Amino acid sequence: MTFLRWYELQKLYNDYASVLDDGPLSNWPDFFTEQCLYMIQPRDNYDKDLPLAVVRCESRAMLQDRVQAVEETIMYEPRYLRHHITNVSAEDLHGDEFRVKANYTVIQVLQDELPQILSTGRYLDQIVREHGVLRFKQKRVVYDSVLVPNSLIYPI
């Protein structure tokens, strides 16, 4: 993998985290191809090749519906999030298609509370170049705990 490709992947993950942390959340679906897969699933299910996920979206339109639900219909206490994405490693599949692994941690801060770890785990992604732009064709968020917090509102 060339330095330029590695830099492009790093920028994709940095921009992804920035949109989730600082918004606007309505830009989040733009990181994905039209037909995509976005899943949040526990490590146990992933390791056993079980399809059960706490969130499963199979198109950009489903991701847009998720954003609309977060912004307009779900009632929740305001919070700040910080995504930390590390150890990004990529494997070239076919020139402009990559299989990427990365670790993530999401820190959540509610008003009048100390920061707490919301989720930690890894991203198992398939990324493609579409019209010159890198996009997620598949983003599988595999969280390490068997428990999922009640406050899983925002995408990870």
N, C-alpha and C. Protein backbone atom coordinates (compact mmCIF):
# COMPACT_ATOMS: atom_id res chain seq x y z
N MET A 1 0.85 -1.17 0.00
CA MET A 1 0.00 0.00 0.00
C MET A 1 0.89 1.24 0.00
N THR A 2 0.59 2.17 -0.86
CA THR A 2 1.38 3.40 -0.96
C THR A 2 1.04 4.34 0.19
N PHE A 3 1.95 5.28 0.44
CA PHE A 3 1.72 6.26 1.48
C PHE A 3 0.48 7.09 1.17
N LEU A 4 0.28 7.44 -0.10
CA LEU A 4 -0.88 8.25 -0.48
C LEU A 4 -2.19 7.53 -0.17
N ARG A 5 -2.26 6.24 -0.47
CA ARG A 5 -3.48 5.48 -0.15
C ARG A 5 -3.68 5.38 1.36
N TRP A 6 -2.61 5.14 2.09
CA TRP A 6 -2.71 5.07 3.54
C TRP A 6 -3.22 6.41 4.09
N TYR A 7 -2.69 7.52 3.56
CA TYR A 7 -3.13 8.85 3.98
C TYR A 7 -4.62 9.05 3.69
N GLU A 8 -5.08 8.64 2.52
CA GLU A 8 -6.50 8.78 2.16
C GLU A 8 -7.39 8.01 3.14
N LEU A 9 -6.95 6.80 3.51
CA LEU A 9 -7.72 6.02 4.47
C LEU A 9 -7.74 6.70 5.84
N GLN A 10 -6.60 7.21 6.28
CA GLN A 10 -6.53 7.92 7.56
C GLN A 10 -7.46 9.12 7.55
N LYS A 11 -7.47 9.87 6.45
CA LYS A 11 -8.33 11.04 6.33
C LYS A 11 -9.80 10.63 6.37
N LEU A 12 -10.14 9.53 5.72
CA LEU A 12 -11.53 9.04 5.76
C LEU A 12 -11.96 8.79 7.20
N TYR A 13 -11.13 8.08 7.97
CA TYR A 13 -11.48 7.78 9.36
C TYR A 13 -11.50 9.04 10.22
N ASN A 14 -10.58 9.97 9.99
CA ASN A 14 -10.59 11.24 10.73
C ASN A 14 -11.85 12.03 10.44
N ASP A 15 -12.22 12.13 9.17
CA ASP A 15 -13.43 12.87 8.79
C ASP A 15 -14.68 12.19 9.35
N TYR A 16 -14.70 10.86 9.32
CA TYR A 16 -15.82 10.08 9.86
C TYR A 16 -16.02 10.42 11.34
N ALA A 17 -14.93 10.38 12.11
CA ALA A 17 -15.01 10.68 13.54
C ALA A 17 -15.45 12.12 13.77
N SER A 18 -14.94 13.04 12.97
CA SER A 18 -15.30 14.46 13.14
C SER A 18 -16.79 14.69 12.94
N VAL A 19 -17.38 14.06 11.93
CA VAL A 19 -18.81 14.23 11.69
C VAL A 19 -19.62 13.63 12.84
N LEU A 20 -19.21 12.47 13.33
CA LEU A 20 -19.95 11.87 14.45
C LEU A 20 -19.79 12.68 15.74
N ASP A 21 -18.64 13.28 15.93
CA ASP A 21 -18.39 14.04 17.16
C ASP A 21 -18.94 15.46 17.12
N ASP A 22 -18.76 16.12 15.99
CA ASP A 22 -19.07 17.56 15.92
C ASP A 22 -20.14 17.91 14.90
N GLY A 23 -20.59 16.93 14.13
CA GLY A 23 -21.67 17.15 13.17
C GLY A 23 -21.23 17.83 11.90
N PRO A 24 -22.19 18.10 11.06
CA PRO A 24 -23.59 17.72 11.24
C PRO A 24 -23.81 16.24 10.97
N LEU A 25 -24.61 15.63 11.82
CA LEU A 25 -24.88 14.19 11.71
C LEU A 25 -25.51 13.85 10.36
N SER A 26 -26.20 14.79 9.77
CA SER A 26 -26.84 14.54 8.47
C SER A 26 -25.81 14.22 7.38
N ASN A 27 -24.54 14.53 7.60
CA ASN A 27 -23.49 14.18 6.64
C ASN A 27 -22.98 12.75 6.79
N TRP A 28 -23.33 12.08 7.87
CA TRP A 28 -22.83 10.73 8.13
C TRP A 28 -23.15 9.74 7.01
N PRO A 29 -24.37 9.69 6.48
CA PRO A 29 -24.64 8.71 5.41
C PRO A 29 -23.80 8.92 4.15
N ASP A 30 -23.27 10.12 3.94
CA ASP A 30 -22.45 10.39 2.76
C ASP A 30 -21.15 9.60 2.76
N PHE A 31 -20.76 9.05 3.89
CA PHE A 31 -19.54 8.24 3.96
C PHE A 31 -19.75 6.84 3.39
N PHE A 32 -20.98 6.50 3.01
CA PHE A 32 -21.32 5.15 2.58
C PHE A 32 -21.77 5.12 1.12
N THR A 33 -21.59 3.95 0.50
CA THR A 33 -22.12 3.74 -0.84
C THR A 33 -23.64 3.64 -0.75
N GLU A 34 -24.30 3.79 -1.89
CA GLU A 34 -25.77 3.74 -1.91
C GLU A 34 -26.28 2.40 -1.34
N GLN A 35 -25.73 1.30 -1.84
CA GLN A 35 -26.03 -0.02 -1.28
C GLN A 35 -24.87 -0.38 -0.37
N CYS A 36 -25.13 -0.42 0.92
CA CYS A 36 -24.07 -0.64 1.89
C CYS A 36 -24.60 -1.52 3.01
N LEU A 37 -23.71 -1.88 3.91
CA LEU A 37 -24.10 -2.60 5.11
C LEU A 37 -23.42 -1.92 6.29
N TYR A 38 -24.22 -1.52 7.28
CA TYR A 38 -23.71 -0.94 8.52
C TYR A 38 -24.30 -1.76 9.65
N MET A 39 -23.44 -2.37 10.46
CA MET A 39 -23.89 -3.21 11.56
C MET A 39 -23.14 -2.85 12.83
N ILE A 40 -23.86 -2.89 13.95
CA ILE A 40 -23.23 -2.83 15.26
C ILE A 40 -23.60 -4.14 15.94
N GLN A 41 -22.59 -4.95 16.24
CA GLN A 41 -22.88 -6.25 16.83
C GLN A 41 -21.86 -6.62 17.90
N PRO A 42 -22.30 -7.41 18.88
CA PRO A 42 -21.38 -7.82 19.94
C PRO A 42 -20.34 -8.80 19.41
N ARG A 43 -19.19 -8.77 20.04
CA ARG A 43 -18.08 -9.64 19.63
C ARG A 43 -18.48 -11.12 19.66
N ASP A 44 -19.24 -11.54 20.67
CA ASP A 44 -19.66 -12.94 20.75
C ASP A 44 -20.39 -13.38 19.49
N ASN A 45 -21.31 -12.57 19.03
CA ASN A 45 -22.06 -12.92 17.82
C ASN A 45 -21.15 -12.94 16.59
N TYR A 46 -20.27 -11.96 16.50
CA TYR A 46 -19.34 -11.93 15.36
C TYR A 46 -18.45 -13.18 15.37
N ASP A 47 -17.87 -13.50 16.54
CA ASP A 47 -16.96 -14.65 16.63
C ASP A 47 -17.65 -15.96 16.30
N LYS A 48 -18.94 -16.06 16.57
CA LYS A 48 -19.70 -17.29 16.29
C LYS A 48 -20.41 -17.22 14.93
N ASP A 49 -20.11 -16.18 14.16
CA ASP A 49 -20.70 -15.98 12.84
C ASP A 49 -22.23 -15.93 12.89
N LEU A 50 -22.74 -15.32 13.97
CA LEU A 50 -24.18 -15.14 14.11
C LEU A 50 -24.57 -13.76 13.57
N PRO A 51 -25.63 -13.65 12.84
CA PRO A 51 -25.97 -12.38 12.18
C PRO A 51 -26.64 -11.34 13.08
N LEU A 52 -27.01 -11.70 14.31
CA LEU A 52 -27.73 -10.78 15.18
C LEU A 52 -26.91 -9.52 15.46
N ALA A 53 -27.53 -8.37 15.26
CA ALA A 53 -26.87 -7.08 15.50
C ALA A 53 -27.87 -6.15 16.20
N VAL A 54 -27.36 -5.22 17.01
CA VAL A 54 -28.25 -4.27 17.68
C VAL A 54 -28.68 -3.16 16.72
N VAL A 55 -27.87 -2.91 15.69
CA VAL A 55 -28.23 -1.98 14.61
C VAL A 55 -27.80 -2.64 13.31
N ARG A 56 -28.71 -2.61 12.33
CA ARG A 56 -28.38 -3.16 11.00
C ARG A 56 -29.08 -2.28 9.95
N CYS A 57 -28.29 -1.66 9.11
CA CYS A 57 -28.80 -0.84 8.01
C CYS A 57 -28.19 -1.36 6.72
N GLU A 58 -29.02 -1.52 5.69
CA GLU A 58 -28.56 -2.15 4.45
C GLU A 58 -28.56 -1.21 3.25
N SER A 59 -28.66 0.09 3.50
CA SER A 59 -28.57 1.06 2.40
C SER A 59 -28.35 2.45 3.00
N ARG A 60 -27.92 3.37 2.14
CA ARG A 60 -27.75 4.75 2.59
C ARG A 60 -29.08 5.34 3.04
N ALA A 61 -30.17 4.94 2.38
CA ALA A 61 -31.50 5.43 2.78
C ALA A 61 -31.83 5.01 4.21
N MET A 62 -31.46 3.80 4.61
CA MET A 62 -31.70 3.36 5.99
C MET A 62 -30.85 4.17 6.96
N LEU A 63 -29.63 4.53 6.55
CA LEU A 63 -28.78 5.37 7.39
C LEU A 63 -29.40 6.76 7.55
N GLN A 64 -29.95 7.29 6.48
CA GLN A 64 -30.62 8.59 6.55
C GLN A 64 -31.83 8.53 7.48
N ASP A 65 -32.57 7.43 7.45
CA ASP A 65 -33.69 7.25 8.38
C ASP A 65 -33.19 7.25 9.82
N ARG A 66 -32.06 6.61 10.05
CA ARG A 66 -31.47 6.57 11.40
C ARG A 66 -31.13 7.99 11.88
N VAL A 67 -30.53 8.78 10.99
CA VAL A 67 -30.19 10.16 11.32
C VAL A 67 -31.46 10.95 11.65
N GLN A 68 -32.48 10.79 10.84
CA GLN A 68 -33.73 11.51 11.07
C GLN A 68 -34.33 11.13 12.43
N ALA A 69 -34.26 9.86 12.77
CA ALA A 69 -34.78 9.41 14.07
C ALA A 69 -34.00 10.07 15.21
N VAL A 70 -32.68 10.11 15.09
CA VAL A 70 -31.86 10.73 16.14
C VAL A 70 -32.16 12.21 16.26
N GLU A 71 -32.29 12.88 15.14
CA GLU A 71 -32.46 14.34 15.16
C GLU A 71 -33.89 14.78 15.47
N GLU A 72 -34.89 13.95 15.15
CA GLU A 72 -36.26 14.44 15.24
C GLU A 72 -37.20 13.67 16.16
N THR A 73 -36.92 12.40 16.43
CA THR A 73 -37.93 11.63 17.16
C THR A 73 -37.46 11.01 18.47
N ILE A 74 -36.21 10.66 18.58
CA ILE A 74 -35.74 9.99 19.79
C ILE A 74 -35.53 11.02 20.90
N MET A 75 -36.04 10.70 22.09
CA MET A 75 -35.83 11.57 23.26
C MET A 75 -34.62 11.03 24.04
N TYR A 76 -33.66 11.90 24.29
CA TYR A 76 -32.47 11.48 25.03
C TYR A 76 -31.81 12.71 25.66
N GLU A 77 -31.01 12.44 26.67
CA GLU A 77 -30.28 13.51 27.34
C GLU A 77 -29.13 13.97 26.45
N PRO A 78 -28.95 15.30 26.32
CA PRO A 78 -27.85 15.81 25.49
C PRO A 78 -26.50 15.26 25.95
N ARG A 79 -25.62 15.05 24.99
CA ARG A 79 -24.31 14.47 25.30
C ARG A 79 -23.29 14.90 24.26
N TYR A 80 -22.04 14.76 24.62
CA TYR A 80 -20.93 14.98 23.70
C TYR A 80 -20.23 13.65 23.51
N LEU A 81 -19.77 13.40 22.30
CA LEU A 81 -19.05 12.16 22.00
C LEU A 81 -17.68 12.49 21.43
N ARG A 82 -16.72 11.61 21.70
CA ARG A 82 -15.40 11.68 21.10
C ARG A 82 -15.01 10.28 20.64
N HIS A 83 -14.83 10.13 19.34
CA HIS A 83 -14.39 8.86 18.75
C HIS A 83 -12.87 8.87 18.62
N HIS A 84 -12.24 7.81 19.09
CA HIS A 84 -10.79 7.64 18.95
C HIS A 84 -10.59 6.39 18.10
N ILE A 85 -10.05 6.58 16.92
CA ILE A 85 -9.85 5.49 15.97
C ILE A 85 -8.35 5.30 15.80
N THR A 86 -7.88 4.08 16.08
CA THR A 86 -6.44 3.81 16.07
C THR A 86 -6.14 2.51 15.33
N ASN A 87 -4.85 2.29 15.11
CA ASN A 87 -4.33 1.04 14.54
C ASN A 87 -5.02 0.68 13.23
N VAL A 88 -5.19 1.67 12.37
CA VAL A 88 -5.82 1.42 11.07
C VAL A 88 -4.86 0.60 10.22
N SER A 89 -5.32 -0.56 9.77
CA SER A 89 -4.50 -1.38 8.88
C SER A 89 -5.37 -1.82 7.70
N ALA A 90 -4.78 -1.79 6.51
CA ALA A 90 -5.55 -2.03 5.30
C ALA A 90 -4.89 -3.08 4.43
N GLU A 91 -5.74 -3.75 3.70
CA GLU A 91 -5.30 -4.75 2.72
C GLU A 91 -5.95 -4.37 1.39
N ASP A 92 -5.12 -4.21 0.36
CA ASP A 92 -5.65 -3.94 -0.98
C ASP A 92 -6.38 -5.17 -1.48
N LEU A 93 -7.59 -4.97 -1.99
CA LEU A 93 -8.33 -6.08 -2.60
C LEU A 93 -8.22 -6.02 -4.12
N HIS A 94 -8.59 -4.88 -4.70
CA HIS A 94 -8.56 -4.72 -6.15
C HIS A 94 -8.29 -3.27 -6.50
N GLY A 95 -7.12 -2.75 -6.27
CA GLY A 95 -6.80 -1.39 -6.65
C GLY A 95 -7.50 -0.33 -5.83
N ASP A 96 -8.79 -0.14 -6.06
CA ASP A 96 -9.54 0.87 -5.33
C ASP A 96 -10.56 0.27 -4.39
N GLU A 97 -10.27 -0.92 -3.90
CA GLU A 97 -11.12 -1.57 -2.90
C GLU A 97 -10.21 -2.10 -1.80
N PHE A 98 -10.61 -1.84 -0.55
CA PHE A 98 -9.76 -2.17 0.58
C PHE A 98 -10.55 -2.89 1.66
N ARG A 99 -9.90 -3.78 2.35
CA ARG A 99 -10.42 -4.36 3.58
C ARG A 99 -9.62 -3.73 4.70
N VAL A 100 -10.31 -3.09 5.64
CA VAL A 100 -9.64 -2.29 6.66
C VAL A 100 -10.10 -2.73 8.04
N LYS A 101 -9.14 -2.79 8.96
CA LYS A 101 -9.43 -3.04 10.37
C LYS A 101 -8.92 -1.84 11.16
N ALA A 102 -9.66 -1.47 12.20
CA ALA A 102 -9.23 -0.38 13.07
C ALA A 102 -9.86 -0.58 14.44
N ASN A 103 -9.19 -0.12 15.46
CA ASN A 103 -9.75 -0.13 16.81
C ASN A 103 -10.47 1.20 17.04
N TYR A 104 -11.49 1.16 17.88
CA TYR A 104 -12.18 2.41 18.21
C TYR A 104 -12.53 2.41 19.70
N THR A 105 -12.63 3.61 20.23
CA THR A 105 -13.19 3.85 21.55
C THR A 105 -14.06 5.09 21.43
N VAL A 106 -15.23 5.05 22.03
CA VAL A 106 -16.11 6.21 22.04
C VAL A 106 -16.29 6.64 23.49
N ILE A 107 -15.91 7.90 23.77
CA ILE A 107 -16.07 8.49 25.09
C ILE A 107 -17.33 9.35 25.05
N GLN A 108 -18.15 9.23 26.07
CA GLN A 108 -19.40 9.98 26.16
C GLN A 108 -19.34 10.90 27.38
N VAL A 109 -19.80 12.13 27.20
CA VAL A 109 -19.89 13.06 28.32
C VAL A 109 -21.31 13.60 28.37
N LEU A 110 -22.00 13.29 29.45
CA LEU A 110 -23.32 13.86 29.72
C LEU A 110 -23.12 15.10 30.56
N GLN A 111 -24.05 16.03 30.48
CA GLN A 111 -23.93 17.24 31.29
C GLN A 111 -23.88 16.85 32.76
N ASP A 112 -23.01 17.52 33.50
CA ASP A 112 -22.87 17.31 34.94
C ASP A 112 -22.40 15.91 35.31
N GLU A 113 -21.72 15.21 34.41
CA GLU A 113 -21.15 13.89 34.72
C GLU A 113 -19.72 13.81 34.20
N LEU A 114 -18.96 12.92 34.79
CA LEU A 114 -17.61 12.68 34.31
C LEU A 114 -17.67 11.90 32.99
N PRO A 115 -16.63 12.02 32.16
CA PRO A 115 -16.60 11.24 30.93
C PRO A 115 -16.62 9.75 31.25
N GLN A 116 -17.24 8.98 30.35
CA GLN A 116 -17.27 7.52 30.50
C GLN A 116 -17.11 6.86 29.15
N ILE A 117 -16.57 5.66 29.16
CA ILE A 117 -16.44 4.90 27.91
C ILE A 117 -17.81 4.38 27.54
N LEU A 118 -18.27 4.78 26.36
CA LEU A 118 -19.55 4.31 25.85
C LEU A 118 -19.40 2.96 25.16
N SER A 119 -18.35 2.84 24.35
CA SER A 119 -18.15 1.60 23.61
C SER A 119 -16.69 1.50 23.18
N THR A 120 -16.22 0.28 23.10
CA THR A 120 -14.88 0.01 22.58
C THR A 120 -14.91 -1.28 21.78
N GLY A 121 -14.12 -1.33 20.75
CA GLY A 121 -14.09 -2.52 19.91
C GLY A 121 -13.28 -2.28 18.66
N ARG A 122 -13.78 -2.83 17.54
CA ARG A 122 -13.05 -2.69 16.28
C ARG A 122 -14.01 -2.49 15.12
N TYR A 123 -13.51 -1.83 14.11
CA TYR A 123 -14.21 -1.69 12.85
C TYR A 123 -13.64 -2.73 11.89
N LEU A 124 -14.51 -3.43 11.21
CA LEU A 124 -14.11 -4.34 10.15
C LEU A 124 -14.83 -3.83 8.90
N ASP A 125 -14.09 -3.15 8.04
CA ASP A 125 -14.69 -2.38 6.96
C ASP A 125 -14.25 -2.85 5.59
N GLN A 126 -15.13 -2.63 4.64
CA GLN A 126 -14.79 -2.75 3.23
C GLN A 126 -15.02 -1.37 2.63
N ILE A 127 -13.98 -0.83 2.01
CA ILE A 127 -14.01 0.53 1.48
C ILE A 127 -13.75 0.47 -0.01
N VAL A 128 -14.50 1.28 -0.76
CA VAL A 128 -14.32 1.35 -2.21
C VAL A 128 -14.18 2.82 -2.62
N ARG A 129 -13.53 3.02 -3.75
CA ARG A 129 -13.46 4.36 -4.33
C ARG A 129 -14.63 4.48 -5.30
N GLU A 130 -15.47 5.48 -5.07
CA GLU A 130 -16.66 5.69 -5.88
C GLU A 130 -16.63 7.13 -6.39
N HIS A 131 -16.47 7.29 -7.69
CA HIS A 131 -16.38 8.63 -8.30
C HIS A 131 -15.25 9.45 -7.65
N GLY A 132 -14.13 8.79 -7.40
CA GLY A 132 -12.96 9.46 -6.83
C GLY A 132 -12.97 9.65 -5.33
N VAL A 133 -14.04 9.21 -4.66
CA VAL A 133 -14.17 9.40 -3.21
C VAL A 133 -14.20 8.04 -2.52
N LEU A 134 -13.44 7.90 -1.43
CA LEU A 134 -13.49 6.66 -0.65
C LEU A 134 -14.78 6.63 0.17
N ARG A 135 -15.48 5.49 0.11
CA ARG A 135 -16.73 5.31 0.86
C ARG A 135 -16.75 3.91 1.47
N PHE A 136 -17.51 3.79 2.54
CA PHE A 136 -17.70 2.48 3.17
C PHE A 136 -18.76 1.70 2.40
N LYS A 137 -18.37 0.56 1.93
CA LYS A 137 -19.33 -0.37 1.31
C LYS A 137 -19.90 -1.25 2.42
N GLN A 138 -19.07 -1.52 3.39
CA GLN A 138 -19.50 -2.30 4.55
C GLN A 138 -18.75 -1.79 5.77
N LYS A 139 -19.49 -1.51 6.84
CA LYS A 139 -18.89 -1.12 8.12
C LYS A 139 -19.52 -1.99 9.19
N ARG A 140 -18.70 -2.88 9.70
CA ARG A 140 -19.14 -3.77 10.78
C ARG A 140 -18.46 -3.29 12.05
N VAL A 141 -19.27 -2.78 12.99
CA VAL A 141 -18.77 -2.31 14.28
C VAL A 141 -18.94 -3.47 15.26
N VAL A 142 -17.82 -4.02 15.69
CA VAL A 142 -17.85 -5.16 16.61
C VAL A 142 -17.40 -4.66 17.98
N TYR A 143 -18.37 -4.55 18.90
CA TYR A 143 -18.01 -4.02 20.22
C TYR A 143 -17.63 -5.18 21.13
N ASP A 144 -16.70 -4.92 22.05
CA ASP A 144 -16.09 -5.98 22.85
C ASP A 144 -16.96 -6.51 23.97
N SER A 145 -17.85 -5.73 24.50
CA SER A 145 -18.68 -6.16 25.61
C SER A 145 -19.89 -6.96 25.11
N VAL A 146 -20.42 -7.82 25.95
CA VAL A 146 -21.67 -8.48 25.59
C VAL A 146 -22.85 -7.59 25.92
N LEU A 147 -22.60 -6.54 26.72
CA LEU A 147 -23.65 -5.59 27.09
C LEU A 147 -23.57 -4.37 26.17
N VAL A 148 -24.73 -3.84 25.86
CA VAL A 148 -24.77 -2.61 25.07
C VAL A 148 -25.45 -1.55 25.94
N PRO A 149 -24.88 -0.34 25.96
CA PRO A 149 -25.48 0.69 26.82
C PRO A 149 -26.87 1.10 26.33
N ASN A 150 -27.71 1.49 27.26
CA ASN A 150 -29.04 2.00 26.91
C ASN A 150 -28.95 3.22 26.02
N SER A 151 -27.85 3.91 26.10
CA SER A 151 -27.72 5.19 25.42
C SER A 151 -27.07 5.06 24.03
N LEU A 152 -27.19 3.91 23.39
CA LEU A 152 -26.67 3.76 22.05
C LEU A 152 -27.63 4.44 21.08
N ILE A 153 -27.43 5.73 20.91
CA ILE A 153 -28.30 6.57 20.12
C ILE A 153 -27.65 6.91 18.79
N TYR A 154 -26.45 7.41 18.90
CA TYR A 154 -25.69 7.86 17.73
C TYR A 154 -24.97 6.68 17.08
N PRO A 155 -24.65 6.82 15.79
CA PRO A 155 -23.80 5.81 15.15
C PRO A 155 -22.43 5.74 15.84
N ILE A 156 -21.80 4.62 15.71
CA ILE A 156 -20.46 4.45 16.29
C ILE A 156 -19.44 4.50 15.15
